[in-house]
Amino acid sequence: MVRNCLLVMTILLLTLPACGIPVSHVDWIDLVQFNGIQYLAVGGYFEAAGSRGLVEADLGPEFARVKNRLAATHLFVPQCCQDGDAAYLDKGTAVYIVKGYNPESRLAAYRDGSLVLFEADTNPKAQTGADLLDIGGKVQYIGVNSAEDGATELASITDPEQVAVLVEMVLGSPVDQTHLTQVNIKYLIAFHLRDDTIVTRAYSPESGELHRGIFLPDAFVTAVEQALSAATPMPP
């Protein structure tokens, strides 16, 4: 599998096809790409249980239009995606800025009459968390969710000062997207925003990685552990 193309492949005839080798079926992760940034659909790869859906009033100006629908055109595993590619948006679909958010972080588009929110996953120019997540000054509280279902909140961090400090840690932490950590993804960190949407990312306490490639300091790990400890009822 080619990671930077964000493919999920259902292989019926071949187990590990190389780029350019035909496969019997390819299931694309729900993505769009513009300016080298790959965005994934919220509610697909990024779960956001409890987040409100977007409405037309959330839309800003048109940002770009889809040039190519991958699911309709590619019979082979491509070497990489190109700007203007989308997995399941039709060619010519307008993609919009989301009001109040940097377009390098969030975009939106209509599909089948409903708005789909896309959030940045891979940005080759990203150096810190702020290059992927536009959440500064926007977080109401931080939830620590179970990785099993993505929705069960195991603990929460609600103190405004602590929330602000942790968000700054995320935004200032270094980014390394050259590899994918798959070790001990115990939790999802859910940033509950003031506009009632939620940014949710997988989190590995062992590596300190917040998806994708944001490496958080030990102080963030400690804050999560303390929140989980405080939320765990004492034995009788």
Protein backbone atom coordinates (compact mmCIF):
# COMPACT_ATOMS: atom_id res chain seq x y z
CA MET A 1 0.00 0.00 0.00
CA VAL A 2 1.21 3.50 -0.83
CA ARG A 3 0.63 5.55 2.31
CA ASN A 4 0.74 9.02 0.75
CA CYS A 5 -2.13 8.07 -1.53
CA LEU A 6 -4.27 7.08 1.46
CA LEU A 7 -5.61 3.95 -0.17
CA VAL A 8 -7.58 1.17 1.39
CA MET A 9 -7.47 -1.75 -1.02
CA THR A 10 -9.70 -4.78 -1.00
CA ILE A 11 -7.60 -7.41 -2.69
CA LEU A 12 -9.37 -10.37 -4.24
CA LEU A 13 -6.63 -11.73 -6.45
CA LEU A 14 -3.39 -10.21 -5.14
CA THR A 15 -2.24 -9.69 -1.58
CA LEU A 16 0.28 -6.85 -1.92
CA PRO A 17 0.08 -5.22 -5.32
CA ALA A 18 2.77 -2.78 -6.36
CA CYS A 19 1.99 0.59 -7.89
CA GLY A 20 0.78 0.16 -11.44
CA ILE A 21 -0.19 -3.50 -11.04
CA PRO A 22 -3.91 -4.03 -11.68
CA VAL A 23 -6.01 -5.16 -8.74
CA SER A 24 -9.51 -6.56 -8.74
CA HIS A 25 -10.98 -3.82 -6.59
CA VAL A 26 -9.84 -0.60 -4.96
CA ASP A 27 -11.72 1.12 -2.15
CA TRP A 28 -10.57 4.70 -1.78
CA ILE A 29 -10.44 6.53 1.50
CA ASP A 30 -12.75 9.55 1.16
CA LEU A 31 -10.23 12.26 0.27
CA VAL A 32 -9.58 15.40 -1.73
CA GLN A 33 -6.22 16.96 -2.56
CA PHE A 34 -5.32 20.59 -3.26
CA ASN A 35 -1.96 22.37 -3.11
CA GLY A 36 -0.27 19.14 -2.08
CA ILE A 37 -2.50 18.76 0.99
CA GLN A 38 -4.65 15.66 1.35
CA TYR A 39 -7.89 16.16 3.26
CA LEU A 40 -9.98 13.31 4.64
CA ALA A 41 -13.74 13.35 5.10
CA VAL A 42 -14.95 13.68 8.68
CA GLY A 43 -17.22 10.81 9.62
CA GLY A 44 -15.24 8.51 7.36
CA TYR A 45 -11.59 8.12 8.25
CA PHE A 46 -11.88 10.78 10.94
CA GLU A 47 -14.70 9.91 13.32
CA ALA A 48 -16.35 12.82 15.08
CA ALA A 49 -19.18 11.37 17.14
CA GLY A 50 -21.39 14.12 18.50
CA SER A 51 -20.18 16.77 16.09
CA ARG A 52 -22.89 18.80 14.40
CA GLY A 53 -23.14 18.67 10.66
CA LEU A 54 -22.24 21.63 8.50
CA VAL A 55 -24.94 23.87 7.04
CA GLU A 56 -24.83 26.31 4.16
CA ALA A 57 -24.16 29.22 6.53
CA ASP A 58 -20.82 27.59 7.43
CA LEU A 59 -19.54 27.95 3.89
CA GLY A 60 -17.17 30.66 2.79
CA PRO A 61 -16.02 31.38 -0.77
CA GLU A 62 -15.38 28.64 -3.31
CA PHE A 63 -11.82 27.37 -2.89
CA ALA A 64 -11.39 25.06 -5.88
CA ARG A 65 -13.13 22.52 -8.09
CA VAL A 66 -12.57 18.80 -8.40
CA LYS A 67 -10.69 17.84 -11.56
CA ASN A 68 -10.79 14.07 -11.30
CA ARG A 69 -12.95 11.49 -9.50
CA LEU A 70 -10.56 8.68 -8.62
CA ALA A 71 -13.15 6.04 -7.88
CA ALA A 72 -14.54 6.43 -11.38
CA THR A 73 -11.34 6.62 -13.40
CA HIS A 74 -8.55 4.57 -11.82
CA LEU A 75 -8.41 0.87 -12.64
CA PHE A 76 -4.86 0.63 -11.33
CA VAL A 77 -3.27 1.59 -8.03
CA PRO A 78 -1.78 5.02 -8.78
CA GLN A 79 1.65 6.10 -7.67
CA CYS A 80 0.24 9.19 -5.97
CA CYS A 81 -2.71 11.54 -5.98
CA GLN A 82 -2.68 14.84 -7.83
CA ASP A 83 -4.06 18.26 -6.96
CA GLY A 84 -7.74 18.39 -7.85
CA ASP A 85 -8.25 14.67 -7.25
CA ALA A 86 -11.13 13.46 -5.11
CA ALA A 87 -12.12 9.93 -4.23
CA TYR A 88 -15.89 10.25 -4.42
CA LEU A 89 -16.69 13.84 -5.41
CA ASP A 90 -17.68 14.21 -9.04
CA LYS A 91 -15.53 16.14 -11.48
CA GLY A 92 -16.46 19.82 -11.36
CA THR A 93 -17.74 19.72 -7.77
CA ALA A 94 -17.14 23.03 -5.98
CA VAL A 95 -15.08 22.81 -2.78
CA TYR A 96 -15.53 25.61 -0.27
CA ILE A 97 -13.63 27.31 2.52
CA VAL A 98 -15.25 26.77 5.93
CA LYS A 99 -15.92 30.12 7.61
CA GLY A 100 -13.56 30.85 10.46
CA TYR A 101 -11.03 28.19 9.46
CA ASN A 102 -7.79 28.19 7.52
CA PRO A 103 -8.38 26.40 4.19
CA GLU A 104 -5.19 24.44 4.81
CA SER A 105 -7.05 22.84 7.73
CA ARG A 106 -10.71 22.48 6.67
CA LEU A 107 -12.70 22.43 3.44
CA ALA A 108 -16.25 21.38 2.60
CA ALA A 109 -18.23 20.21 -0.41
CA TYR A 110 -21.72 19.02 -1.29
CA ARG A 111 -22.24 15.36 -2.11
CA ASP A 112 -25.66 13.86 -2.71
CA GLY A 113 -27.24 17.02 -1.35
CA SER A 114 -25.37 16.98 1.98
CA LEU A 115 -22.30 18.88 3.09
CA VAL A 116 -19.15 16.87 3.76
CA LEU A 117 -16.41 18.32 5.96
CA PHE A 118 -12.82 17.53 5.00
CA GLU A 119 -9.89 17.99 7.37
CA ALA A 120 -6.19 18.07 6.54
CA ASP A 121 -4.38 14.78 7.04
CA THR A 122 -1.15 15.10 5.09
CA ASN A 123 0.67 18.35 4.33
CA PRO A 124 4.22 18.04 2.97
CA LYS A 125 4.99 21.55 4.22
CA ALA A 126 3.72 20.98 7.76
CA GLN A 127 6.32 21.69 10.43
CA THR A 128 4.14 22.07 13.54
CA GLY A 129 0.67 21.04 14.60
CA ALA A 130 -0.64 24.48 13.67
CA ASP A 131 0.03 23.63 10.02
CA LEU A 132 -2.54 20.80 10.24
CA LEU A 133 -5.05 21.88 12.89
CA ASP A 134 -6.72 25.28 13.11
CA ILE A 135 -7.99 25.04 16.70
CA GLY A 136 -6.23 27.89 18.49
CA GLY A 137 -8.74 29.78 20.65
CA LYS A 138 -11.54 27.54 19.39
CA VAL A 139 -11.54 24.64 21.89
CA GLN A 140 -14.21 24.48 24.58
CA TYR A 141 -13.00 21.24 26.15
CA ILE A 142 -10.90 18.17 25.35
CA GLY A 143 -12.36 14.68 25.49
CA VAL A 144 -10.39 11.45 25.79
CA ASN A 145 -12.37 8.83 23.90
CA SER A 146 -12.08 5.07 23.63
CA ALA A 147 -10.31 3.87 20.51
CA GLU A 148 -12.67 0.88 20.39
CA ASP A 149 -15.70 2.82 19.23
CA GLY A 150 -14.38 6.39 18.97
CA ALA A 151 -17.44 7.73 20.77
CA THR A 152 -17.25 6.62 24.40
CA GLU A 153 -15.76 9.48 26.42
CA LEU A 154 -13.46 8.05 29.08
CA ALA A 155 -12.37 11.39 30.53
CA SER A 156 -12.50 15.09 29.83
CA ILE A 157 -10.33 18.15 30.42
CA THR A 158 -12.53 21.19 30.98
CA ASP A 159 -10.47 23.74 32.91
CA PRO A 160 -10.11 26.65 30.44
CA GLU A 161 -6.52 27.42 31.40
CA GLN A 162 -5.41 23.82 31.08
CA VAL A 163 -7.28 23.44 27.80
CA ALA A 164 -5.51 26.51 26.40
CA VAL A 165 -2.10 25.21 27.49
CA LEU A 166 -2.71 21.77 25.94
CA VAL A 167 -3.97 23.26 22.69
CA GLU A 168 -0.82 25.39 22.47
CA MET A 169 1.23 22.23 22.98
CA VAL A 170 -0.55 20.62 20.05
CA LEU A 171 -0.13 23.64 17.79
CA GLY A 172 3.54 24.09 18.66
CA SER A 173 4.59 20.43 18.53
CA PRO A 174 6.81 19.19 15.68
CA VAL A 175 5.36 17.23 12.79
CA ASP A 176 6.93 14.20 11.13
CA GLN A 177 4.71 12.58 8.50
CA THR A 178 7.38 10.37 6.97
CA HIS A 179 6.05 7.31 8.76
CA LEU A 180 2.80 6.04 10.25
CA THR A 181 2.77 5.01 13.90
CA GLN A 182 0.54 2.01 14.52
CA VAL A 183 1.72 1.24 18.05
CA ASN A 184 -0.78 1.26 20.89
CA ILE A 185 -3.46 3.59 19.55
CA LYS A 186 -5.35 3.64 22.86
CA TYR A 187 -7.41 6.78 22.61
CA LEU A 188 -8.97 9.37 20.38
CA ILE A 189 -8.45 12.96 21.46
CA ALA A 190 -11.59 14.96 20.74
CA PHE A 191 -11.26 18.73 20.60
CA HIS A 192 -14.79 20.03 21.19
CA LEU A 193 -14.90 23.38 19.44
CA ARG A 194 -16.97 26.42 20.30
CA ASP A 195 -18.99 26.12 17.09
CA ASP A 196 -20.17 22.63 18.19
CA THR A 197 -18.02 20.78 15.70
CA ILE A 198 -15.37 18.35 16.90
CA VAL A 199 -11.85 17.65 15.71
CA THR A 200 -10.92 14.07 16.58
CA ARG A 201 -7.51 12.45 16.19
CA ALA A 202 -6.06 9.07 17.14
CA TYR A 203 -3.48 9.23 19.91
CA SER A 204 -0.68 6.91 20.99
CA PRO A 205 0.60 7.54 24.55
CA GLU A 206 3.65 5.35 23.90
CA SER A 207 4.95 7.38 20.97
CA GLY A 208 3.23 10.64 21.92
CA GLU A 209 1.87 10.90 18.38
CA LEU A 210 -1.39 12.64 17.60
CA HIS A 211 -2.57 11.64 14.14
CA ARG A 212 -1.06 12.34 11.79
CA GLY A 213 2.56 12.86 12.76
CA ILE A 214 2.15 15.50 15.50
CA PHE A 215 4.54 14.45 18.28
CA LEU A 216 3.35 15.82 21.62
CA PRO A 217 5.50 16.45 24.72
CA ASP A 218 5.41 14.33 27.86
CA ALA A 219 3.32 17.00 29.59
CA PHE A 220 0.41 16.20 27.26
CA VAL A 221 0.71 12.49 28.06
CA THR A 222 0.69 13.34 31.77
CA ALA A 223 -2.42 15.51 31.42
CA VAL A 224 -4.29 12.69 29.67
CA GLU A 225 -3.24 10.17 32.31
CA GLN A 226 -4.35 12.50 35.10
CA ALA A 227 -7.72 13.07 33.45
CA LEU A 228 -8.25 9.33 33.04
CA SER A 229 -7.23 8.71 36.66
CA ALA A 230 -9.63 11.37 37.92
CA ALA A 231 -12.47 9.90 35.87
CA THR A 232 -11.94 6.35 37.12
CA PRO A 233 -14.20 5.60 40.08
CA MET A 234 -12.41 4.48 43.24
CA PRO A 235 -13.00 0.83 44.19
CA PRO A 236 -15.35 0.33 47.16
